[in-house]
């Protein structure tokens, strides 16, 4: 997982919306969506909550 994907993953564990996460990271919303797709694929999940739980299981968070 890339450093940027890990940053996104950490922010998934907050109350921030997608657009708010994009602003926090100074990227476009479309870029955030690309990172999200990569994270979901790498963790084999389909939601932000599931991604956070799987990341915790694997010691990424």
PDB file of N, CA and C in Angstrom:
ATOM      1  N   UNK A   1       0.850  -1.169   0.000  1.00  0.00           N
ATOM      2  CA  UNK A   1       0.000   0.000   0.000  1.00  0.00           C
ATOM      3  C   UNK A   1       0.906   1.246   0.000  1.00  0.00           C
ATOM      4  N   UNK A   2       0.566   2.197  -0.844  1.00  0.00           N
ATOM      5  CA  UNK A   2       1.389   3.396  -0.945  1.00  0.00           C
ATOM      6  C   UNK A   2       1.188   4.295   0.278  1.00  0.00           C
ATOM      7  N   UNK A   3       2.118   5.223   0.468  1.00  0.00           N
ATOM      8  CA  UNK A   3       2.000   6.163   1.586  1.00  0.00           C
ATOM      9  C   UNK A   3       0.704   6.966   1.489  1.00  0.00           C
ATOM     10  N   UNK A   4       0.367   7.404   0.289  1.00  0.00           N
ATOM     11  CA  UNK A   4      -0.845   8.213   0.101  1.00  0.00           C
ATOM     12  C   UNK A   4      -2.089   7.378   0.397  1.00  0.00           C
ATOM     13  N   UNK A   5      -2.090   6.127  -0.023  1.00  0.00           N
ATOM     14  CA  UNK A   5      -3.229   5.254   0.265  1.00  0.00           C
ATOM     15  C   UNK A   5      -3.387   5.045   1.765  1.00  0.00           C
ATOM     16  N   UNK A   6      -2.280   4.934   2.477  1.00  0.00           N
ATOM     17  CA  UNK A   6      -2.351   4.803   3.938  1.00  0.00           C
ATOM     18  C   UNK A   6      -2.899   6.077   4.572  1.00  0.00           C
ATOM     19  N   UNK A   7      -2.536   7.238   4.033  1.00  0.00           N
ATOM     20  CA  UNK A   7      -3.088   8.495   4.545  1.00  0.00           C
ATOM     21  C   UNK A   7      -4.604   8.521   4.342  1.00  0.00           C
ATOM     22  N   UNK A   8      -5.041   8.123   3.176  1.00  0.00           N
ATOM     23  CA  UNK A   8      -6.477   8.084   2.889  1.00  0.00           C
ATOM     24  C   UNK A   8      -7.162   7.105   3.838  1.00  0.00           C
ATOM     25  N   UNK A   9      -6.575   5.954   4.019  1.00  0.00           N
ATOM     26  CA  UNK A   9      -7.138   4.935   4.897  1.00  0.00           C
ATOM     27  C   UNK A   9      -7.300   5.451   6.321  1.00  0.00           C
ATOM     28  N   UNK A  10      -6.304   6.169   6.812  1.00  0.00           N
ATOM     29  CA  UNK A  10      -6.392   6.749   8.160  1.00  0.00           C
ATOM     30  C   UNK A  10      -7.549   7.736   8.255  1.00  0.00           C
ATOM     31  N   UNK A  11      -7.749   8.507   7.200  1.00  0.00           N
ATOM     32  CA  UNK A  11      -8.836   9.482   7.204  1.00  0.00           C
ATOM     33  C   UNK A  11     -10.204   8.821   7.035  1.00  0.00           C
ATOM     34  N   UNK A  12     -10.248   7.619   6.470  1.00  0.00           N
ATOM     35  CA  UNK A  12     -11.501   6.869   6.409  1.00  0.00           C
ATOM     36  C   UNK A  12     -12.028   6.596   7.814  1.00  0.00           C
ATOM     37  N   UNK A  13     -11.127   6.504   8.766  1.00  0.00           N
ATOM     38  CA  UNK A  13     -11.487   6.196  10.149  1.00  0.00           C
ATOM     39  C   UNK A  13     -11.981   7.439  10.895  1.00  0.00           C
ATOM     40  N   UNK A  14     -12.187   8.532  10.191  1.00  0.00           N
ATOM     41  CA  UNK A  14     -12.694   9.766  10.789  1.00  0.00           C
ATOM     42  C   UNK A  14     -14.129   9.996  10.332  1.00  0.00           C
ATOM     43  N   UNK A  15     -14.691  11.076  10.752  1.00  0.00           N
ATOM     44  CA  UNK A  15     -16.061  11.434  10.356  1.00  0.00           C
ATOM     45  C   UNK A  15     -16.095  12.256   9.071  1.00  0.00           C
ATOM     46  N   UNK A  16     -14.940  12.439   8.429  1.00  0.00           N
ATOM     47  CA  UNK A  16     -14.874  13.270   7.231  1.00  0.00           C
ATOM     48  C   UNK A  16     -15.555  12.600   6.043  1.00  0.00           C
ATOM     49  N   UNK A  17     -16.182  13.412   5.207  1.00  0.00           N
ATOM     50  CA  UNK A  17     -16.764  12.920   3.966  1.00  0.00           C
ATOM     51  C   UNK A  17     -15.662  12.803   2.913  1.00  0.00           C
ATOM     52  N   UNK A  18     -15.986  12.189   1.783  1.00  0.00           N
ATOM     53  CA  UNK A  18     -15.019  12.074   0.691  1.00  0.00           C
ATOM     54  C   UNK A  18     -14.472  13.420   0.248  1.00  0.00           C
ATOM     55  N   UNK A  19     -15.340  14.393  -0.056  1.00  0.00           N
ATOM     56  CA  UNK A  19     -14.831  15.713  -0.460  1.00  0.00           C
ATOM     57  C   UNK A  19     -13.970  16.380   0.618  1.00  0.00           C
ATOM     58  N   UNK A  20     -14.323  16.170   1.874  1.00  0.00           N
ATOM     59  CA  UNK A  20     -13.527  16.747   2.969  1.00  0.00           C
ATOM     60  C   UNK A  20     -12.150  16.083   3.053  1.00  0.00           C
ATOM     61  N   UNK A  21     -12.099  14.781   2.833  1.00  0.00           N
ATOM     62  CA  UNK A  21     -10.809  14.075   2.823  1.00  0.00           C
ATOM     63  C   UNK A  21      -9.959  14.592   1.672  1.00  0.00           C
ATOM     64  N   UNK A  22     -10.567  14.762   0.505  1.00  0.00           N
ATOM     65  CA  UNK A  22      -9.830  15.281  -0.654  1.00  0.00           C
ATOM     66  C   UNK A  22      -9.231  16.648  -0.345  1.00  0.00           C
ATOM     67  N   UNK A  23     -10.016  17.529   0.261  1.00  0.00           N
ATOM     68  CA  UNK A  23      -9.498  18.861   0.618  1.00  0.00           C
ATOM     69  C   UNK A  23      -8.373  18.762   1.643  1.00  0.00           C
ATOM     70  N   UNK A  24      -8.537  17.886   2.613  1.00  0.00           N
ATOM     71  CA  UNK A  24      -7.516  17.695   3.651  1.00  0.00           C
ATOM     72  C   UNK A  24      -6.176  17.277   3.035  1.00  0.00           C
ATOM     73  N   UNK A  25      -6.236  16.460   1.988  1.00  0.00           N
ATOM     74  CA  UNK A  25      -5.031  15.944   1.339  1.00  0.00           C
ATOM     75  C   UNK A  25      -4.592  16.779   0.131  1.00  0.00           C
ATOM     76  N   UNK A  26      -5.341  17.841  -0.160  1.00  0.00           N
ATOM     77  CA  UNK A  26      -5.022  18.730  -1.283  1.00  0.00           C
ATOM     78  C   UNK A  26      -4.995  17.984  -2.612  1.00  0.00           C
ATOM     79  N   UNK A  27      -6.004  17.111  -2.807  1.00  0.00           N
ATOM     80  CA  UNK A  27      -6.157  16.399  -4.069  1.00  0.00           C
ATOM     81  C   UNK A  27      -7.591  16.587  -4.555  1.00  0.00           C
ATOM     82  N   UNK A  28      -7.828  16.297  -5.815  1.00  0.00           N
ATOM     83  CA  UNK A  28      -9.191  16.388  -6.331  1.00  0.00           C
ATOM     84  C   UNK A  28     -10.007  15.207  -5.803  1.00  0.00           C
ATOM     85  N   UNK A  29     -11.319  15.375  -5.864  1.00  0.00           N
ATOM     86  CA  UNK A  29     -12.199  14.285  -5.433  1.00  0.00           C
ATOM     87  C   UNK A  29     -12.002  13.060  -6.318  1.00  0.00           C
ATOM     88  N   UNK A  30     -11.762  13.268  -7.607  1.00  0.00           N
ATOM     89  CA  UNK A  30     -11.524  12.128  -8.513  1.00  0.00           C
ATOM     90  C   UNK A  30     -10.258  11.370  -8.140  1.00  0.00           C
ATOM     91  N   UNK A  31      -9.228  12.090  -7.725  1.00  0.00           N
ATOM     92  CA  UNK A  31      -7.995  11.434  -7.277  1.00  0.00           C
ATOM     93  C   UNK A  31      -8.269  10.609  -6.022  1.00  0.00           C
ATOM     94  N   UNK A  32      -9.053  11.165  -5.116  1.00  0.00           N
ATOM     95  CA  UNK A  32      -9.424  10.425  -3.905  1.00  0.00           C
ATOM     96  C   UNK A  32     -10.180   9.148  -4.271  1.00  0.00           C
ATOM     97  N   UNK A  33     -11.070   9.241  -5.241  1.00  0.00           N
ATOM     98  CA  UNK A  33     -11.826   8.063  -5.673  1.00  0.00           C
ATOM     99  C   UNK A  33     -10.886   6.993  -6.241  1.00  0.00           C
ATOM    100  N   UNK A  34      -9.867   7.405  -6.954  1.00  0.00           N
ATOM    101  CA  UNK A  34      -8.887   6.455  -7.493  1.00  0.00           C
ATOM    102  C   UNK A  34      -8.142   5.766  -6.353  1.00  0.00           C
ATOM    103  N   UNK A  35      -7.696   6.540  -5.371  1.00  0.00           N
ATOM    104  CA  UNK A  35      -7.021   5.950  -4.207  1.00  0.00           C
ATOM    105  C   UNK A  35      -7.969   4.968  -3.496  1.00  0.00           C
ATOM    106  N   UNK A  36      -9.227   5.358  -3.366  1.00  0.00           N
ATOM    107  CA  UNK A  36     -10.208   4.521  -2.686  1.00  0.00           C
ATOM    108  C   UNK A  36     -10.378   3.193  -3.417  1.00  0.00           C
ATOM    109  N   UNK A  37     -10.484   3.238  -4.727  1.00  0.00           N
ATOM    110  CA  UNK A  37     -10.613   2.000  -5.511  1.00  0.00           C
ATOM    111  C   UNK A  37      -9.410   1.087  -5.302  1.00  0.00           C
ATOM    112  N   UNK A  38      -8.210   1.671  -5.297  1.00  0.00           N
ATOM    113  CA  UNK A  38      -7.000   0.877  -5.088  1.00  0.00           C
ATOM    114  C   UNK A  38      -6.995   0.247  -3.695  1.00  0.00           C
ATOM    115  N   UNK A  39      -7.381   1.031  -2.695  1.00  0.00           N
ATOM    116  CA  UNK A  39      -7.439   0.514  -1.323  1.00  0.00           C
ATOM    117  C   UNK A  39      -8.430  -0.639  -1.236  1.00  0.00           C
ATOM    118  N   UNK A  40      -9.622  -0.447  -1.793  1.00  0.00           N
ATOM    119  CA  UNK A  40     -10.643  -1.491  -1.739  1.00  0.00           C
ATOM    120  C   UNK A  40     -10.154  -2.760  -2.429  1.00  0.00           C
ATOM    121  N   UNK A  41      -9.495  -2.613  -3.566  1.00  0.00           N
ATOM    122  CA  UNK A  41      -8.973  -3.776  -4.284  1.00  0.00           C
ATOM    123  C   UNK A  41      -7.903  -4.489  -3.467  1.00  0.00           C
ATOM    124  N   UNK A  42      -6.968  -3.733  -2.928  1.00  0.00           N
ATOM    125  CA  UNK A  42      -5.866  -4.336  -2.177  1.00  0.00           C
ATOM    126  C   UNK A  42      -6.344  -5.023  -0.906  1.00  0.00           C
ATOM    127  N   UNK A  43      -7.397  -4.479  -0.279  1.00  0.00           N
ATOM    128  CA  UNK A  43      -7.907  -5.067   0.962  1.00  0.00           C
ATOM    129  C   UNK A  43      -9.089  -6.008   0.721  1.00  0.00           C
ATOM    130  N   UNK A  44      -9.522  -6.114  -0.530  1.00  0.00           N
ATOM    131  CA  UNK A  44     -10.641  -6.976  -0.909  1.00  0.00           C
ATOM    132  C   UNK A  44     -11.903  -6.649  -0.107  1.00  0.00           C
ATOM    133  N   UNK A  45     -12.277  -5.363  -0.134  1.00  0.00           N
ATOM    134  CA  UNK A  45     -13.465  -4.880   0.568  1.00  0.00           C
ATOM    135  C   UNK A  45     -14.286  -3.995  -0.374  1.00  0.00           C
ATOM    136  N   UNK A  46     -15.479  -3.598   0.089  1.00  0.00           N
ATOM    137  CA  UNK A  46     -16.342  -2.767  -0.749  1.00  0.00           C
ATOM    138  C   UNK A  46     -16.863  -1.519  -0.036  1.00  0.00           C
ATOM    139  N   UNK A  47     -16.363  -1.249   1.179  1.00  0.00           N
ATOM    140  CA  UNK A  47     -16.809  -0.058   1.896  1.00  0.00           C
ATOM    141  C   UNK A  47     -15.673   0.514   2.734  1.00  0.00           C
ATOM    142  N   UNK A  48     -15.824   1.781   3.085  1.00  0.00           N
ATOM    143  CA  UNK A  48     -14.810   2.438   3.913  1.00  0.00           C
ATOM    144  C   UNK A  48     -14.691   1.756   5.266  1.00  0.00           C
ATOM    145  N   UNK A  49     -15.828   1.436   5.871  1.00  0.00           N
ATOM    146  CA  UNK A  49     -15.819   0.778   7.185  1.00  0.00           C
ATOM    147  C   UNK A  49     -15.088  -0.563   7.118  1.00  0.00           C
ATOM    148  N   UNK A  50     -15.393  -1.343   6.091  1.00  0.00           N
ATOM    149  CA  UNK A  50     -14.741  -2.650   5.925  1.00  0.00           C
ATOM    150  C   UNK A  50     -13.239  -2.470   5.693  1.00  0.00           C
ATOM    151  N   UNK A  51     -12.868  -1.430   4.961  1.00  0.00           N
ATOM    152  CA  UNK A  51     -11.453  -1.168   4.713  1.00  0.00           C
ATOM    153  C   UNK A  51     -10.719  -0.871   6.017  1.00  0.00           C
ATOM    154  N   UNK A  52     -11.331  -0.063   6.865  1.00  0.00           N
ATOM    155  CA  UNK A  52     -10.714   0.270   8.155  1.00  0.00           C
ATOM    156  C   UNK A  52     -10.574  -0.984   9.012  1.00  0.00           C
ATOM    157  N   UNK A  53     -11.626  -1.800   9.062  1.00  0.00           N
ATOM    158  CA  UNK A  53     -11.571  -3.021   9.866  1.00  0.00           C
ATOM    159  C   UNK A  53     -10.502  -3.981   9.350  1.00  0.00           C
ATOM    160  N   UNK A  54     -10.433  -4.173   8.027  1.00  0.00           N
ATOM    161  CA  UNK A  54      -9.435  -5.067   7.436  1.00  0.00           C
ATOM    162  C   UNK A  54      -8.027  -4.525   7.666  1.00  0.00           C
ATOM    163  N   UNK A  55      -7.857  -3.214   7.556  1.00  0.00           N
ATOM    164  CA  UNK A  55      -6.549  -2.599   7.778  1.00  0.00           C
ATOM    165  C   UNK A  55      -6.097  -2.812   9.224  1.00  0.00           C
ATOM    166  N   UNK A  56      -7.028  -2.727  10.151  1.00  0.00           N
ATOM    167  CA  UNK A  56      -6.686  -2.970  11.559  1.00  0.00           C
ATOM    168  C   UNK A  56      -6.280  -4.425  11.751  1.00  0.00           C
ATOM    169  N   UNK A  57      -7.023  -5.347  11.137  1.00  0.00           N
ATOM    170  CA  UNK A  57      -6.681  -6.774  11.227  1.00  0.00           C
ATOM    171  C   UNK A  57      -5.269  -7.037  10.737  1.00  0.00           C
ATOM    172  N   UNK A  58      -4.875  -6.323   9.692  1.00  0.00           N
ATOM    173  CA  UNK A  58      -3.556  -6.527   9.083  1.00  0.00           C
ATOM    174  C   UNK A  58      -2.476  -5.644   9.688  1.00  0.00           C
ATOM    175  N   UNK A  59      -2.815  -4.874  10.700  1.00  0.00           N
ATOM    176  CA  UNK A  59      -1.827  -4.037  11.378  1.00  0.00           C
ATOM    177  C   UNK A  59      -1.417  -2.799  10.598  1.00  0.00           C
ATOM    178  N   UNK A  60      -2.247  -2.384   9.655  1.00  0.00           N
ATOM    179  CA  UNK A  60      -1.928  -1.176   8.878  1.00  0.00           C
ATOM    180  C   UNK A  60      -2.355   0.095   9.584  1.00  0.00           C
ATOM    181  N   UNK A  61      -3.303  -0.031  10.503  1.00  0.00           N
ATOM    182  CA  UNK A  61      -3.764   1.125  11.290  1.00  0.00           C
ATOM    183  C   UNK A  61      -3.533   0.866  12.758  1.00  0.00           C
TER     184      UNK A  61
END
